[in-house]
PDB file of N, CA and C in Angstrom:
ATOM      1  N   MET A   1       0.845  -1.179   0.000  1.00  0.00           N
ATOM      2  CA  MET A   1       0.000   0.000   0.000  1.00  0.00           C
ATOM      3  C   MET A   1       0.884   1.233   0.000  1.00  0.00           C
ATOM      4  N   ASN A   2       0.491   2.229  -0.769  1.00  0.00           N
ATOM      5  CA  ASN A   2       1.214   3.490  -0.827  1.00  0.00           C
ATOM      6  C   ASN A   2       1.054   4.249   0.480  1.00  0.00           C
ATOM      7  N   ALA A   3       2.008   5.126   0.710  1.00  0.00           N
ATOM      8  CA  ALA A   3       1.933   5.970   1.909  1.00  0.00           C
ATOM      9  C   ALA A   3       0.845   7.021   1.732  1.00  0.00           C
ATOM     10  N   LEU A   4       0.323   7.488   2.847  1.00  0.00           N
ATOM     11  CA  LEU A   4      -0.662   8.563   2.832  1.00  0.00           C
ATOM     12  C   LEU A   4      -0.028   9.821   2.240  1.00  0.00           C
ATOM     13  N   SER A   5      -0.726  10.463   1.356  1.00  0.00           N
ATOM     14  CA  SER A   5      -0.253  11.690   0.728  1.00  0.00           C
ATOM     15  C   SER A   5      -0.066  12.789   1.771  1.00  0.00           C
ATOM     16  N   ALA A   6       0.836  13.702   1.500  1.00  0.00           N
ATOM     17  CA  ALA A   6       0.997  14.869   2.378  1.00  0.00           C
ATOM     18  C   ALA A   6      -0.229  15.764   2.310  1.00  0.00           C
ATOM     19  N   THR A   7      -0.977  15.668   1.214  1.00  0.00           N
ATOM     20  CA  THR A   7      -2.230  16.418   1.044  1.00  0.00           C
ATOM     21  C   THR A   7      -3.338  15.404   0.782  1.00  0.00           C
ATOM     22  N   PRO A   8      -3.819  14.756   1.835  1.00  0.00           N
ATOM     23  CA  PRO A   8      -4.780  13.663   1.649  1.00  0.00           C
ATOM     24  C   PRO A   8      -6.099  14.122   1.049  1.00  0.00           C
ATOM     25  N   LYS A   9      -6.694  13.191   0.301  1.00  0.00           N
ATOM     26  CA  LYS A   9      -8.036  13.419  -0.247  1.00  0.00           C
ATOM     27  C   LYS A   9      -8.769  12.088  -0.261  1.00  0.00           C
ATOM     28  N   LEU A  10     -10.091  12.183  -0.342  1.00  0.00           N
ATOM     29  CA  LEU A  10     -10.891  10.968  -0.382  1.00  0.00           C
ATOM     30  C   LEU A  10     -10.577  10.181  -1.638  1.00  0.00           C
ATOM     31  N   SER A  11     -10.561   8.870  -1.481  1.00  0.00           N
ATOM     32  CA  SER A  11     -10.459   7.998  -2.644  1.00  0.00           C
ATOM     33  C   SER A  11     -11.680   8.232  -3.527  1.00  0.00           C
ATOM     34  N   ARG A  12     -11.516   8.112  -4.811  1.00  0.00           N
ATOM     35  CA  ARG A  12     -12.647   8.344  -5.712  1.00  0.00           C
ATOM     36  C   ARG A  12     -13.729   7.275  -5.557  1.00  0.00           C
ATOM     37  N   LEU A  13     -13.462   6.234  -4.790  1.00  0.00           N
ATOM     38  CA  LEU A  13     -14.459   5.200  -4.532  1.00  0.00           C
ATOM     39  C   LEU A  13     -15.424   5.588  -3.413  1.00  0.00           C
ATOM     40  N   PHE A  14     -15.118   6.690  -2.729  1.00  0.00           N
ATOM     41  CA  PHE A  14     -15.923   7.107  -1.573  1.00  0.00           C
ATOM     42  C   PHE A  14     -16.456   8.507  -1.779  1.00  0.00           C
ATOM     43  N   ARG A  15     -17.616   8.764  -1.199  1.00  0.00           N
ATOM     44  CA  ARG A  15     -18.209  10.102  -1.237  1.00  0.00           C
ATOM     45  C   ARG A  15     -18.683  10.451   0.172  1.00  0.00           C
ATOM     46  N   LEU A  16     -18.272  11.612   0.649  1.00  0.00           N
ATOM     47  CA  LEU A  16     -18.685  12.108   1.955  1.00  0.00           C
ATOM     48  C   LEU A  16     -19.916  12.974   1.762  1.00  0.00           C
ATOM     49  N   GLN A  17     -20.951  12.714   2.511  1.00  0.00           N
ATOM     50  CA  GLN A  17     -22.146  13.560   2.418  1.00  0.00           C
ATOM     51  C   GLN A  17     -22.935  13.523   3.714  1.00  0.00           C
ATOM     52  N   TRP A  18     -23.729  14.599   3.904  1.00  0.00           N
ATOM     53  CA  TRP A  18     -24.648  14.671   5.033  1.00  0.00           C
ATOM     54  C   TRP A  18     -25.841  13.801   4.698  1.00  0.00           C
ATOM     55  N   GLU A  19     -26.230  12.940   5.619  1.00  0.00           N
ATOM     56  CA  GLU A  19     -27.364  12.054   5.404  1.00  0.00           C
ATOM     57  C   GLU A  19     -28.458  12.437   6.402  1.00  0.00           C
ATOM     58  N   PRO A  20     -29.492  13.155   5.931  1.00  0.00           N
ATOM     59  CA  PRO A  20     -30.528  13.625   6.861  1.00  0.00           C
ATOM     60  C   PRO A  20     -31.211  12.490   7.618  1.00  0.00           C
ATOM     61  N   THR A  21     -31.431  11.369   6.983  1.00  0.00           N
ATOM     62  CA  THR A  21     -32.125  10.283   7.681  1.00  0.00           C
ATOM     63  C   THR A  21     -31.272   9.694   8.799  1.00  0.00           C
ATOM     64  N   GLN A  22     -29.941   9.819   8.673  1.00  0.00           N
ATOM     65  CA  GLN A  22     -29.030   9.343   9.718  1.00  0.00           C
ATOM     66  C   GLN A  22     -28.711  10.478  10.700  1.00  0.00           C
ATOM     67  N   ASN A  23     -29.050  11.715  10.288  1.00  0.00           N
ATOM     68  CA  ASN A  23     -28.685  12.896  11.063  1.00  0.00           C
ATOM     69  C   ASN A  23     -27.190  12.907  11.354  1.00  0.00           C
ATOM     70  N   ASN A  24     -26.437  12.590  10.288  1.00  0.00           N
ATOM     71  CA  ASN A  24     -25.005  12.417  10.450  1.00  0.00           C
ATOM     72  C   ASN A  24     -24.328  12.455   9.093  1.00  0.00           C
ATOM     73  N   TYR A  25     -23.015  12.705   9.097  1.00  0.00           N
ATOM     74  CA  TYR A  25     -22.232  12.533   7.877  1.00  0.00           C
ATOM     75  C   TYR A  25     -21.969  11.051   7.682  1.00  0.00           C
ATOM     76  N   VAL A  26     -21.968  10.655   6.423  1.00  0.00           N
ATOM     77  CA  VAL A  26     -21.677   9.267   6.076  1.00  0.00           C
ATOM     78  C   VAL A  26     -20.665   9.246   4.955  1.00  0.00           C
ATOM     79  N   LEU A  27     -20.013   8.124   4.838  1.00  0.00           N
ATOM     80  CA  LEU A  27     -19.088   7.871   3.750  1.00  0.00           C
ATOM     81  C   LEU A  27     -19.725   6.782   2.904  1.00  0.00           C
ATOM     82  N   LEU A  28     -20.076   7.145   1.674  1.00  0.00           N
ATOM     83  CA  LEU A  28     -20.744   6.204   0.781  1.00  0.00           C
ATOM     84  C   LEU A  28     -19.729   5.561  -0.148  1.00  0.00           C
ATOM     85  N   TYR A  29     -19.918   4.299  -0.421  1.00  0.00           N
ATOM     86  CA  TYR A  29     -19.099   3.576  -1.387  1.00  0.00           C
ATOM     87  C   TYR A  29     -20.005   2.555  -2.073  1.00  0.00           C
ATOM     88  N   PRO A  30     -19.573   1.974  -3.182  1.00  0.00           N
ATOM     89  CA  PRO A  30     -20.483   1.146  -3.977  1.00  0.00           C
ATOM     90  C   PRO A  30     -21.165   0.018  -3.203  1.00  0.00           C
ATOM     91  N   GLU A  31     -20.518  -0.556  -2.225  1.00  0.00           N
ATOM     92  CA  GLU A  31     -21.102  -1.688  -1.516  1.00  0.00           C
ATOM     93  C   GLU A  31     -21.785  -1.305  -0.210  1.00  0.00           C
ATOM     94  N   GLY A  32     -21.747  -0.021   0.166  1.00  0.00           N
ATOM     95  CA  GLY A  32     -22.355   0.310   1.436  1.00  0.00           C
ATOM     96  C   GLY A  32     -22.122   1.719   1.903  1.00  0.00           C
ATOM     97  N   MET A  33     -22.149   1.859   3.218  1.00  0.00           N
ATOM     98  CA  MET A  33     -22.070   3.172   3.837  1.00  0.00           C
ATOM     99  C   MET A  33     -21.400   3.040   5.206  1.00  0.00           C
ATOM    100  N   VAL A  34     -20.623   4.040   5.563  1.00  0.00           N
ATOM    101  CA  VAL A  34     -20.013   4.119   6.887  1.00  0.00           C
ATOM    102  C   VAL A  34     -20.580   5.350   7.568  1.00  0.00           C
ATOM    103  N   LYS A  35     -21.205   5.169   8.710  1.00  0.00           N
ATOM    104  CA  LYS A  35     -21.697   6.304   9.491  1.00  0.00           C
ATOM    105  C   LYS A  35     -20.531   6.849  10.300  1.00  0.00           C
ATOM    106  N   LEU A  36     -20.269   8.144  10.159  1.00  0.00           N
ATOM    107  CA  LEU A  36     -19.105   8.760  10.788  1.00  0.00           C
ATOM    108  C   LEU A  36     -19.494   9.501  12.056  1.00  0.00           C
ATOM    109  N   ASN A  37     -18.585   9.499  13.027  1.00  0.00           N
ATOM    110  CA  ASN A  37     -18.813  10.377  14.174  1.00  0.00           C
ATOM    111  C   ASN A  37     -18.406  11.795  13.764  1.00  0.00           C
ATOM    112  N   GLN A  38     -18.710  12.775  14.592  1.00  0.00           N
ATOM    113  CA  GLN A  38     -18.458  14.167  14.235  1.00  0.00           C
ATOM    114  C   GLN A  38     -16.978  14.431  13.980  1.00  0.00           C
ATOM    115  N   SER A  39     -16.121  13.867  14.808  1.00  0.00           N
ATOM    116  CA  SER A  39     -14.682  14.103  14.636  1.00  0.00           C
ATOM    117  C   SER A  39     -14.191  13.586  13.294  1.00  0.00           C
ATOM    118  N   ALA A  40     -14.575  12.371  12.956  1.00  0.00           N
ATOM    119  CA  ALA A  40     -14.159  11.789  11.684  1.00  0.00           C
ATOM    120  C   ALA A  40     -14.665  12.625  10.513  1.00  0.00           C
ATOM    121  N   ALA A  41     -15.915  13.055  10.591  1.00  0.00           N
ATOM    122  CA  ALA A  41     -16.476  13.859   9.506  1.00  0.00           C
ATOM    123  C   ALA A  41     -15.741  15.184   9.357  1.00  0.00           C
ATOM    124  N   GLU A  42     -15.440  15.834  10.484  1.00  0.00           N
ATOM    125  CA  GLU A  42     -14.751  17.124  10.414  1.00  0.00           C
ATOM    126  C   GLU A  42     -13.365  16.977   9.799  1.00  0.00           C
ATOM    127  N   ILE A  43     -12.678  15.903  10.124  1.00  0.00           N
ATOM    128  CA  ILE A  43     -11.356  15.678   9.529  1.00  0.00           C
ATOM    129  C   ILE A  43     -11.498  15.382   8.040  1.00  0.00           C
ATOM    130  N   LEU A  44     -12.393  14.475   7.689  1.00  0.00           N
ATOM    131  CA  LEU A  44     -12.532  14.096   6.275  1.00  0.00           C
ATOM    132  C   LEU A  44     -13.016  15.261   5.417  1.00  0.00           C
ATOM    133  N   LYS A  45     -13.827  16.157   5.973  1.00  0.00           N
ATOM    134  CA  LYS A  45     -14.286  17.315   5.205  1.00  0.00           C
ATOM    135  C   LYS A  45     -13.111  18.189   4.765  1.00  0.00           C
ATOM    136  N   ARG A  46     -12.025  18.125   5.501  1.00  0.00           N
ATOM    137  CA  ARG A  46     -10.864  18.950   5.189  1.00  0.00           C
ATOM    138  C   ARG A  46      -9.850  18.226   4.309  1.00  0.00           C
ATOM    139  N   CYS A  47     -10.087  16.976   4.002  1.00  0.00           N
ATOM    140  CA  CYS A  47      -9.173  16.206   3.154  1.00  0.00           C
ATOM    141  C   CYS A  47      -9.571  16.413   1.695  1.00  0.00           C
ATOM    142  N   ASP A  48      -9.154  17.563   1.155  1.00  0.00           N
ATOM    143  CA  ASP A  48      -9.560  17.954  -0.188  1.00  0.00           C
ATOM    144  C   ASP A  48      -8.444  17.840  -1.219  1.00  0.00           C
ATOM    145  N   GLY A  49      -7.287  17.327  -0.804  1.00  0.00           N
ATOM    146  CA  GLY A  49      -6.164  17.203  -1.728  1.00  0.00           C
ATOM    147  C   GLY A  49      -5.388  18.497  -1.898  1.00  0.00           C
ATOM    148  N   ALA A  50      -5.857  19.564  -1.286  1.00  0.00           N
ATOM    149  CA  ALA A  50      -5.159  20.852  -1.369  1.00  0.00           C
ATOM    150  C   ALA A  50      -4.469  21.192  -0.046  1.00  0.00           C
ATOM    151  N   ARG A  51      -5.095  20.824   1.062  1.00  0.00           N
ATOM    152  CA  ARG A  51      -4.541  21.133   2.379  1.00  0.00           C
ATOM    153  C   ARG A  51      -3.596  20.023   2.828  1.00  0.00           C
ATOM    154  N   ASP A  52      -2.439  20.417   3.367  1.00  0.00           N
ATOM    155  CA  ASP A  52      -1.556  19.405   3.933  1.00  0.00           C
ATOM    156  C   ASP A  52      -2.002  19.104   5.376  1.00  0.00           C
ATOM    157  N   ILE A  53      -1.411  18.093   5.959  1.00  0.00           N
ATOM    158  CA  ILE A  53      -1.866  17.633   7.270  1.00  0.00           C
ATOM    159  C   ILE A  53      -1.714  18.711   8.349  1.00  0.00           C
ATOM    160  N   PRO A  54      -0.582  19.429   8.415  1.00  0.00           N
ATOM    161  CA  PRO A  54      -0.516  20.501   9.418  1.00  0.00           C
ATOM    162  C   PRO A  54      -1.614  21.550   9.240  1.00  0.00           C
ATOM    163  N   ARG A  55      -1.967  21.854   8.004  1.00  0.00           N
ATOM    164  CA  ARG A  55      -3.039  22.839   7.762  1.00  0.00           C
ATOM    165  C   ARG A  55      -4.384  22.291   8.202  1.00  0.00           C
ATOM    166  N   ILE A  56      -4.610  20.993   7.985  1.00  0.00           N
ATOM    167  CA  ILE A  56      -5.860  20.373   8.452  1.00  0.00           C
ATOM    168  C   ILE A  56      -5.940  20.478   9.974  1.00  0.00           C
ATOM    169  N   VAL A  57      -4.840  20.162  10.644  1.00  0.00           N
ATOM    170  CA  VAL A  57      -4.806  20.245  12.113  1.00  0.00           C
ATOM    171  C   VAL A  57      -5.043  21.680  12.567  1.00  0.00           C
ATOM    172  N   ASP A  58      -4.346  22.639  11.945  1.00  0.00           N
ATOM    173  CA  ASP A  58      -4.529  24.051  12.313  1.00  0.00           C
ATOM    174  C   ASP A  58      -5.977  24.478  12.138  1.00  0.00           C
ATOM    175  N   ASP A  59      -6.575  24.089  11.035  1.00  0.00           N
ATOM    176  CA  ASP A  59      -7.965  24.476  10.771  1.00  0.00           C
ATOM    177  C   ASP A  59      -8.899  23.885  11.830  1.00  0.00           C
ATOM    178  N   LEU A  60      -8.698  22.638  12.183  1.00  0.00           N
ATOM    179  CA  LEU A  60      -9.538  22.014  13.213  1.00  0.00           C
ATOM    180  C   LEU A  60      -9.345  22.697  14.563  1.00  0.00           C
ATOM    181  N   GLU A  61      -8.096  23.000  14.907  1.00  0.00           N
ATOM    182  CA  GLU A  61      -7.821  23.639  16.197  1.00  0.00           C
ATOM    183  C   GLU A  61      -8.439  25.039  16.258  1.00  0.00           C
ATOM    184  N   GLN A  62      -8.408  25.756  15.137  1.00  0.00           N
ATOM    185  CA  GLN A  62      -9.028  27.088  15.116  1.00  0.00           C
ATOM    186  C   GLN A  62     -10.546  26.977  15.168  1.00  0.00           C
ATOM    187  N   THR A  63     -11.090  26.058  14.413  1.00  0.00           N
ATOM    188  CA  THR A  63     -12.547  25.910  14.366  1.00  0.00           C
ATOM    189  C   THR A  63     -13.118  25.545  15.727  1.00  0.00           C
ATOM    190  N   PHE A  64     -12.419  24.663  16.444  1.00  0.00           N
ATOM    191  CA  PHE A  64     -12.943  24.163  17.710  1.00  0.00           C
ATOM    192  C   PHE A  64     -12.238  24.779  18.918  1.00  0.00           C
ATOM    193  N   ALA A  65     -11.454  25.838  18.676  1.00  0.00           N
ATOM    194  CA  ALA A  65     -10.782  26.588  19.746  1.00  0.00           C
ATOM    195  C   ALA A  65     -10.085  25.667  20.739  1.00  0.00           C
ATOM    196  N   THR A  66      -9.207  24.836  20.191  1.00  0.00           N
ATOM    197  CA  THR A  66      -8.458  23.908  21.033  1.00  0.00           C
ATOM    198  C   THR A  66      -7.054  23.746  20.464  1.00  0.00           C
ATOM    199  N   THR A  67      -6.229  23.024  21.169  1.00  0.00           N
ATOM    200  CA  THR A  67      -4.869  22.737  20.704  1.00  0.00           C
ATOM    201  C   THR A  67      -4.560  21.272  20.982  1.00  0.00           C
ATOM    202  N   GLY A  68      -3.460  20.816  20.421  1.00  0.00           N
ATOM    203  CA  GLY A  68      -2.995  19.468  20.714  1.00  0.00           C
ATOM    204  C   GLY A  68      -3.712  18.365  19.964  1.00  0.00           C
ATOM    205  N   LEU A  69      -4.279  18.663  18.792  1.00  0.00           N
ATOM    206  CA  LEU A  69      -5.019  17.648  18.032  1.00  0.00           C
ATOM    207  C   LEU A  69      -4.141  16.849  17.076  1.00  0.00           C
ATOM    208  N   SER A  70      -2.914  17.244  16.913  1.00  0.00           N
ATOM    209  CA  SER A  70      -2.062  16.652  15.888  1.00  0.00           C
ATOM    210  C   SER A  70      -1.989  15.116  15.973  1.00  0.00           C
ATOM    211  N   GLY A  71      -1.741  14.607  17.150  1.00  0.00           N
ATOM    212  CA  GLY A  71      -1.609  13.154  17.308  1.00  0.00           C
ATOM    213  C   GLY A  71      -2.880  12.410  16.942  1.00  0.00           C
ATOM    214  N   GLN A  72      -4.009  12.901  17.430  1.00  0.00           N
ATOM    215  CA  GLN A  72      -5.283  12.241  17.150  1.00  0.00           C
ATOM    216  C   GLN A  72      -5.655  12.333  15.674  1.00  0.00           C
ATOM    217  N   VAL A  73      -5.398  13.492  15.078  1.00  0.00           N
ATOM    218  CA  VAL A  73      -5.717  13.652  13.653  1.00  0.00           C
ATOM    219  C   VAL A  73      -4.828  12.740  12.815  1.00  0.00           C
ATOM    220  N   ASN A  74      -3.545  12.713  13.132  1.00  0.00           N
ATOM    221  CA  ASN A  74      -2.636  11.838  12.386  1.00  0.00           C
ATOM    222  C   ASN A  74      -3.025  10.370  12.536  1.00  0.00           C
ATOM    223  N   ASP A  75      -3.401   9.953  13.737  1.00  0.00           N
ATOM    224  CA  ASP A  75      -3.832   8.559  13.942  1.00  0.00           C
ATOM    225  C   ASP A  75      -5.069   8.249  13.096  1.00  0.00           C
ATOM    226  N   PHE A  76      -6.035   9.172  13.100  1.00  0.00           N
ATOM    227  CA  PHE A  76      -7.241   8.942  12.307  1.00  0.00           C
ATOM    228  C   PHE A  76      -6.909   8.892  10.816  1.00  0.00           C
ATOM    229  N   LEU A  77      -6.064   9.820  10.347  1.00  0.00           N
ATOM    230  CA  LEU A  77      -5.719   9.838   8.926  1.00  0.00           C
ATOM    231  C   LEU A  77      -5.037   8.547   8.511  1.00  0.00           C
ATOM    232  N   GLN A  78      -4.168   8.033   9.353  1.00  0.00           N
ATOM    233  CA  GLN A  78      -3.505   6.762   9.032  1.00  0.00           C
ATOM    234  C   GLN A  78      -4.515   5.619   8.986  1.00  0.00           C
ATOM    235  N   SER A  79      -5.424   5.591   9.934  1.00  0.00           N
ATOM    236  CA  SER A  79      -6.465   4.560   9.951  1.00  0.00           C
ATOM    237  C   SER A  79      -7.362   4.663   8.715  1.00  0.00           C
ATOM    238  N   ALA A  80      -7.756   5.875   8.371  1.00  0.00           N
ATOM    239  CA  ALA A  80      -8.598   6.077   7.190  1.00  0.00           C
ATOM    240  C   ALA A  80      -7.865   5.666   5.921  1.00  0.00           C
ATOM    241  N   HIS A  81      -6.589   5.937   5.887  1.00  0.00           N
ATOM    242  CA  HIS A  81      -5.782   5.537   4.728  1.00  0.00           C
ATOM    243  C   HIS A  81      -5.707   4.007   4.633  1.00  0.00           C
ATOM    244  N   GLN A  82      -5.498   3.347   5.762  1.00  0.00           N
ATOM    245  CA  GLN A  82      -5.426   1.879   5.763  1.00  0.00           C
ATOM    246  C   GLN A  82      -6.746   1.252   5.326  1.00  0.00           C
ATOM    247  N   ARG A  83      -7.855   1.925   5.594  1.00  0.00           N
ATOM    248  CA  ARG A  83      -9.167   1.427   5.176  1.00  0.00           C
ATOM    249  C   ARG A  83      -9.464   1.742   3.717  1.00  0.00           C
ATOM    250  N   GLY A  84      -8.573   2.501   3.091  1.00  0.00           N
ATOM    251  CA  GLY A  84      -8.757   2.850   1.684  1.00  0.00           C
ATOM    252  C   GLY A  84      -9.620   4.065   1.447  1.00  0.00           C
ATOM    253  N   TRP A  85      -9.962   4.791   2.514  1.00  0.00           N
ATOM    254  CA  TRP A  85     -10.800   5.977   2.369  1.00  0.00           C
ATOM    255  C   TRP A  85     -10.015   7.130   1.757  1.00  0.00           C
ATOM    256  N   LEU A  86      -8.732   7.216   2.100  1.00  0.00           N
ATOM    257  CA  LEU A  86      -7.903   8.347   1.680  1.00  0.00           C
ATOM    258  C   LEU A  86      -6.756   7.891   0.793  1.00  0.00           C
ATOM    259  N   VAL A  87      -6.382   8.779  -0.094  1.00  0.00           N
ATOM    260  CA  VAL A  87      -5.190   8.531  -0.910  1.00  0.00           C
ATOM    261  C   VAL A  87      -4.204   9.648  -0.674  1.00  0.00           C
TER     262      VAL A  87
END
């Protein structure tokens, strides 16, 4: 498996969208759907292929007025990459 890009983006096999019936963000793919928690959705919304990982972390920390998210965001990004969600 390739390493996670410095500017991660969703794999073209997945689509992130708000699902009103789930009252949640979901990740859709041809065989199904993954219901995301708020943290996962907020991180994936920023994985647009333009922002690098430090910028994603900075944006999350500014949005939620907190610090120290780098480790958790990096862990999630690696997990999402291993699941094939991110390239």
